[in-house]
Amino acid sequence: MADYGYQHRQTRAQWEPIVNTGRVTCSRFNDDPACPGPIEPGAPWDLDHDDNNPTAYRGPGHAACNRRAGALKRLGRLPTDAAITTYTW
């Protein structure tokens, strides 16, 4: 994990025991069709940044989903809000 500073590490540490329960859904689930949904205990995960505000967090996300979103953002291909389908259960 890259060094994002003290506050980032503290926030991630607060999330870690919650993510390790297996009950946290990836922050990218609603807008990434490749996302499997829940973050399994022990799976690699990132503290996902908001796409429009790099100082805010979306929450925990699969490392692959977060990094795919970063790559798509750099390529100018990140879905817009109009293209995102929100699922409710």
C-alpha atoms as a PDB file:
ATOM      1  CA  MET A   1       0.000   0.000   0.000  1.00  0.00           C
ATOM      2  CA  ALA A   2       1.275   3.422  -0.914  1.00  0.00           C
ATOM      3  CA  ASP A   3       1.974   5.817   1.920  1.00  0.00           C
ATOM      4  CA  TYR A   4      -0.989   8.198   2.034  1.00  0.00           C
ATOM      5  CA  GLY A   5      -0.112   9.701   5.391  1.00  0.00           C
ATOM      6  CA  TYR A   6      -1.155   9.327   8.978  1.00  0.00           C
ATOM      7  CA  GLN A   7      -4.857  10.178   8.570  1.00  0.00           C
ATOM      8  CA  HIS A   8      -5.293   7.723   5.684  1.00  0.00           C
ATOM      9  CA  ARG A   9      -3.604   4.940   7.657  1.00  0.00           C
ATOM     10  CA  GLN A  10      -5.770   5.685  10.708  1.00  0.00           C
ATOM     11  CA  THR A  11      -8.996   5.654   8.684  1.00  0.00           C
ATOM     12  CA  ARG A  12      -8.009   2.420   6.971  1.00  0.00           C
ATOM     13  CA  ALA A  13      -7.127   0.846  10.327  1.00  0.00           C
ATOM     14  CA  GLN A  14     -10.593   1.753  11.614  1.00  0.00           C
ATOM     15  CA  TRP A  15     -12.198   0.033   8.635  1.00  0.00           C
ATOM     16  CA  GLU A  16     -10.002  -3.081   8.733  1.00  0.00           C
ATOM     17  CA  PRO A  17     -11.860  -5.078  11.433  1.00  0.00           C
ATOM     18  CA  ILE A  18     -15.184  -4.233   9.784  1.00  0.00           C
ATOM     19  CA  VAL A  19     -13.971  -5.286   6.323  1.00  0.00           C
ATOM     20  CA  ASN A  20     -12.563  -8.513   7.777  1.00  0.00           C
ATOM     21  CA  THR A  21     -16.079  -9.571   8.845  1.00  0.00           C
ATOM     22  CA  GLY A  22     -16.921 -10.150   5.172  1.00  0.00           C
ATOM     23  CA  ARG A  23     -20.031  -7.970   5.484  1.00  0.00           C
ATOM     24  CA  VAL A  24     -18.732  -4.923   3.624  1.00  0.00           C
ATOM     25  CA  THR A  25     -19.753  -4.399   0.015  1.00  0.00           C
ATOM     26  CA  CYS A  26     -17.201  -2.853  -2.312  1.00  0.00           C
ATOM     27  CA  SER A  27     -17.589   0.883  -2.802  1.00  0.00           C
ATOM     28  CA  ARG A  28     -17.554   0.283  -6.579  1.00  0.00           C
ATOM     29  CA  PHE A  29     -20.292  -2.379  -6.648  1.00  0.00           C
ATOM     30  CA  ASN A  30     -23.022  -0.135  -8.093  1.00  0.00           C
ATOM     31  CA  ASP A  31     -20.920   1.283 -10.909  1.00  0.00           C
ATOM     32  CA  ASP A  32     -18.509  -1.517 -11.848  1.00  0.00           C
ATOM     33  CA  PRO A  33     -20.111  -4.524 -13.550  1.00  0.00           C
ATOM     34  CA  ALA A  34     -16.945  -6.558 -12.902  1.00  0.00           C
ATOM     35  CA  CYS A  35     -17.216  -6.052  -9.121  1.00  0.00           C
ATOM     36  CA  PRO A  36     -18.182  -9.214  -7.218  1.00  0.00           C
ATOM     37  CA  GLY A  37     -19.830  -7.255  -4.381  1.00  0.00           C
ATOM     38  CA  PRO A  38     -18.804  -8.237  -0.842  1.00  0.00           C
ATOM     39  CA  ILE A  39     -15.161  -7.991   0.160  1.00  0.00           C
ATOM     40  CA  GLU A  40     -14.206 -11.448   1.405  1.00  0.00           C
ATOM     41  CA  PRO A  41     -12.167 -11.657   4.632  1.00  0.00           C
ATOM     42  CA  GLY A  42      -8.466 -11.546   3.787  1.00  0.00           C
ATOM     43  CA  ALA A  43      -9.032 -10.214   0.253  1.00  0.00           C
ATOM     44  CA  PRO A  44      -6.897  -7.240  -0.801  1.00  0.00           C
ATOM     45  CA  TRP A  45      -8.806  -3.987  -0.387  1.00  0.00           C
ATOM     46  CA  ASP A  46      -8.157  -0.262  -0.635  1.00  0.00           C
ATOM     47  CA  LEU A  47      -9.704   2.749   1.006  1.00  0.00           C
ATOM     48  CA  ASP A  48     -11.306   4.092  -2.161  1.00  0.00           C
ATOM     49  CA  HIS A  49     -11.196   7.828  -2.866  1.00  0.00           C
ATOM     50  CA  ASP A  50     -14.152   9.766  -4.217  1.00  0.00           C
ATOM     51  CA  ASP A  51     -13.801  10.279  -7.974  1.00  0.00           C
ATOM     52  CA  ASN A  52     -14.628  13.985  -7.775  1.00  0.00           C
ATOM     53  CA  ASN A  53     -12.953  14.845  -4.468  1.00  0.00           C
ATOM     54  CA  PRO A  54      -9.561  13.201  -3.862  1.00  0.00           C
ATOM     55  CA  THR A  55      -9.621  14.250  -0.203  1.00  0.00           C
ATOM     56  CA  ALA A  56     -12.864  12.309   0.473  1.00  0.00           C
ATOM     57  CA  TYR A  57     -13.403   8.569   0.662  1.00  0.00           C
ATOM     58  CA  ARG A  58     -16.091   6.381  -0.892  1.00  0.00           C
ATOM     59  CA  GLY A  59     -15.224   3.618   1.565  1.00  0.00           C
ATOM     60  CA  PRO A  60     -13.528   0.233   1.316  1.00  0.00           C
ATOM     61  CA  GLY A  61     -13.310  -1.341  -2.110  1.00  0.00           C
ATOM     62  CA  HIS A  62     -11.668  -4.353  -3.693  1.00  0.00           C
ATOM     63  CA  ALA A  63      -8.128  -3.407  -4.620  1.00  0.00           C
ATOM     64  CA  ALA A  64      -8.809  -4.472  -8.221  1.00  0.00           C
ATOM     65  CA  CYS A  65     -12.009  -2.408  -8.474  1.00  0.00           C
ATOM     66  CA  ASN A  66     -10.370   0.689  -7.008  1.00  0.00           C
ATOM     67  CA  ARG A  67      -7.330   0.434  -9.241  1.00  0.00           C
ATOM     68  CA  ARG A  68      -9.432  -0.287 -12.345  1.00  0.00           C
ATOM     69  CA  ALA A  69     -11.428   2.886 -11.582  1.00  0.00           C
ATOM     70  CA  GLY A  70      -8.193   4.846 -11.251  1.00  0.00           C
ATOM     71  CA  ALA A  71      -6.981   3.578 -14.610  1.00  0.00           C
ATOM     72  CA  LEU A  72     -10.320   4.385 -16.260  1.00  0.00           C
ATOM     73  CA  LYS A  73     -10.262   7.865 -14.735  1.00  0.00           C
ATOM     74  CA  ARG A  74      -6.778   8.501 -16.141  1.00  0.00           C
ATOM     75  CA  LEU A  75      -8.015   7.336 -19.554  1.00  0.00           C
ATOM     76  CA  GLY A  76     -11.113   9.537 -19.337  1.00  0.00           C
ATOM     77  CA  ARG A  77     -13.403   6.495 -19.371  1.00  0.00           C
ATOM     78  CA  LEU A  78     -14.818   6.512 -15.857  1.00  0.00           C
ATOM     79  CA  PRO A  79     -18.629   6.250 -16.066  1.00  0.00           C
ATOM     80  CA  THR A  80     -20.566   9.435 -15.416  1.00  0.00           C
ATOM     81  CA  ASP A  81     -23.347   9.564 -12.841  1.00  0.00           C
ATOM     82  CA  ALA A  82     -25.891   9.278 -15.671  1.00  0.00           C
ATOM     83  CA  ALA A  83     -24.366   5.957 -16.760  1.00  0.00           C
ATOM     84  CA  ILE A  84     -24.320   4.418 -13.282  1.00  0.00           C
ATOM     85  CA  THR A  85     -27.096   2.041 -12.312  1.00  0.00           C
ATOM     86  CA  THR A  86     -27.892   1.999  -8.616  1.00  0.00           C
ATOM     87  CA  TYR A  87     -29.196  -1.274  -7.272  1.00  0.00           C
ATOM     88  CA  THR A  88     -31.455  -1.453  -4.260  1.00  0.00           C
ATOM     89  CA  TRP A  89     -32.246  -4.617  -2.364  1.00  0.00           C
END
